[in-house]
Each structure stands twice: as structure tokens, then as C-alpha cells.
């Protein structure tokens, strides 16, 4: 059974940075693509970043491009999301999800229908 655990959320002020971590267990981590998603109150869940199994391909939502960086450490079974220049619009519960596969990119719908998900971690940006 593949399990994902997010960590690193918290409350910060606008302009601050946070680093989220997603630790994956129960499967061959290096065979999984991993995505970070977020859901704000009253809004639909959206994908903010994705990284391929090898780390060679990454994808970002326009709203976070240039501010967020996704990376993976296959030796530690971890995917990180570095978030800089946070603003109140980034406030949400952040989830990571994994899909087994070696394609460079997967649609968000594929994560929703076929992915393994963590429980989420809250990020609050407020002055």
C-alpha cells in the first residue's frame, strides 16, 4: 500500500517562504511521478506543480511559476516544494499525490482518478 505524508505547512506572513515535503512509502518511489495540489476554502483543487519519476521534467501552474520549485530526492523517497514570495492567495491545504509511471507529464485528472494521495498540510499566509 502506497502512503504519502506531507509536512512543512504552517502560518507565515506575505513574502515569506516555506518548504513542504512529501514522503512516500510502500512502493518503488523512483517509478512514481508526483504532483503537489492545493485547495482553498470554497475553491476547486488545483495542481500547482508536478515532477516526473526521474526529476527530469517539471510543470508549474502559471500562478506559482517563478515562485515555487519542485524537486525530488529518490534516495530519501521525498519530493519537496519550495515556496517563495508567498501571498495570501497561496493560503490552502496542500496535498501531494503520486502516480506510477514514467511519462514526462500526467494530467491532473489522471491524478484524481488513479493517484495515491496524502492527507494534506495547511499553509496560511496572512499579515
Foldseek 3Di string as FASTA:
>chain_A
DKAKAKDWADEEAAQAKTKMKIAIDDDQLLQKKKWKWWDDPPDDIDTAKIAFSNRPAMDGDPVQPPFWDWGDDSVRRMIMIIGGRDDQVPWTWMKMWIDGHGDRDDDPVCRVVPIHIYPTDTHGYHD
